[in-house]
Amino acid sequence: MAVKPAHQVKAGDEVRVRISGLERIVIVEQIITKRVGAAIAAQCLIDKSPPPPAPEIVAAMPRRDRGAGRPTKRERRETDRLLGRDDSPPPHDE
């Protein structure tokens, strides 16, 4: 369920955040009533995030130049295939 950033969380809530293209999943274990340091805050969360992709996969992912516009349909399908999000067979040679 999507909620606004100011939504109050409670113990046991699962929070999913996408940061720089990587998904971070944490479960709130304990509520903190005042501001604390990062080390103490980390003790109040259970990190269930998937491991980051291997460096070989990150290096193989195509990069678009800034301001190059939207990817074409072919480029998007290639990216989806590299990331494992596409179940369709590879394209035929034309």
Protein backbone atom coordinates (compact mmCIF):
# COMPACT_ATOMS: atom_id res chain seq x y z
CA MET A 1 0.00 0.00 0.00
CA ALA A 2 1.39 3.42 -0.90
CA VAL A 3 1.21 6.12 1.74
CA LYS A 4 2.41 9.69 2.10
CA PRO A 5 5.88 10.26 3.61
CA ALA A 6 4.41 11.85 6.77
CA HIS A 7 2.38 8.71 7.57
CA GLN A 8 3.00 7.37 11.08
CA VAL A 9 4.52 3.89 11.23
CA LYS A 10 4.12 1.35 14.00
CA ALA A 11 6.10 -1.67 15.13
CA GLY A 12 5.79 -4.50 12.62
CA ASP A 13 5.19 -2.23 9.58
CA GLU A 14 7.11 -3.04 6.40
CA VAL A 15 8.59 0.01 4.65
CA ARG A 16 9.74 -0.20 1.00
CA VAL A 17 11.82 2.60 -0.50
CA ARG A 18 13.52 2.87 -3.90
CA ILE A 19 16.85 4.71 -3.62
CA SER A 20 19.02 5.21 -6.71
CA GLY A 21 17.20 2.39 -8.49
CA LEU A 22 17.74 -0.12 -5.65
CA GLU A 23 14.86 -1.25 -3.46
CA ARG A 24 15.32 -1.13 0.31
CA ILE A 25 12.92 -3.10 2.51
CA VAL A 26 12.92 -2.66 6.29
CA ILE A 27 10.58 -3.84 9.03
CA VAL A 28 10.04 -1.47 11.94
CA GLU A 29 10.96 -3.31 15.13
CA GLN A 30 10.76 -0.46 17.63
CA ILE A 31 9.36 3.09 17.47
CA ILE A 32 11.72 5.95 18.37
CA THR A 33 10.11 9.01 19.98
CA LYS A 34 13.02 11.42 19.57
CA ARG A 35 15.91 11.97 17.16
CA VAL A 36 18.83 9.57 17.64
CA GLY A 37 22.02 8.72 15.80
CA ALA A 38 22.13 6.42 12.79
CA ALA A 39 23.67 3.54 14.76
CA ILE A 40 20.82 3.53 17.30
CA ALA A 41 18.18 3.97 14.60
CA ALA A 42 19.59 0.97 12.68
CA GLN A 43 19.05 -1.20 15.77
CA CYS A 44 15.31 -0.45 15.59
CA LEU A 45 14.91 -1.85 12.05
CA ILE A 46 15.18 -5.29 10.48
CA ASP A 47 16.72 -4.99 7.02
CA LYS A 48 15.10 -7.39 4.53
CA SER A 49 16.54 -5.71 1.43
CA PRO A 50 17.65 -7.94 -1.43
CA PRO A 51 21.41 -7.99 -2.04
CA PRO A 52 22.69 -5.41 -4.52
CA PRO A 53 23.29 -6.66 -8.08
CA ALA A 54 26.71 -8.09 -8.89
CA PRO A 55 29.24 -5.61 -10.34
CA GLU A 56 29.27 -7.58 -13.62
CA ILE A 57 25.54 -7.01 -14.04
CA VAL A 58 25.78 -3.31 -13.19
CA ALA A 59 28.63 -2.86 -15.67
CA ALA A 60 26.67 -4.66 -18.41
CA MET A 61 23.59 -2.46 -17.99
CA PRO A 62 23.32 0.13 -20.74
CA ARG A 63 23.67 3.75 -19.63
CA ARG A 64 21.82 6.57 -21.31
CA ASP A 65 23.39 9.97 -21.70
CA ARG A 66 21.75 12.62 -19.58
CA GLY A 67 19.11 14.44 -21.61
CA ALA A 68 18.93 11.72 -24.28
CA GLY A 69 15.17 11.44 -23.86
CA ARG A 70 13.07 8.36 -23.37
CA PRO A 71 14.48 4.98 -24.32
CA THR A 72 13.12 3.40 -27.46
CA LYS A 73 10.96 0.32 -27.21
CA ARG A 74 13.90 -1.85 -28.28
CA GLU A 75 16.22 -0.29 -25.66
CA ARG A 76 13.61 -0.74 -22.95
CA ARG A 77 13.13 -4.41 -23.85
CA GLU A 78 16.91 -4.97 -23.80
CA THR A 79 17.14 -3.37 -20.36
CA ASP A 80 14.22 -5.45 -19.08
CA ARG A 81 15.86 -8.61 -20.42
CA LEU A 82 19.17 -7.76 -18.68
CA LEU A 83 17.39 -7.11 -15.40
CA GLY A 84 15.40 -10.35 -15.65
CA ARG A 85 12.05 -8.57 -15.79
CA ASP A 86 11.09 -9.93 -19.20
CA ASP A 87 9.80 -13.44 -19.83
CA SER A 88 9.48 -13.20 -23.61
CA PRO A 89 11.86 -15.12 -25.90
CA PRO A 90 14.85 -13.32 -27.44
CA PRO A 91 14.09 -11.38 -30.65
CA HIS A 92 14.47 -12.96 -34.10
CA ASP A 93 17.24 -11.76 -36.38
CA GLU A 94 15.77 -9.65 -39.13
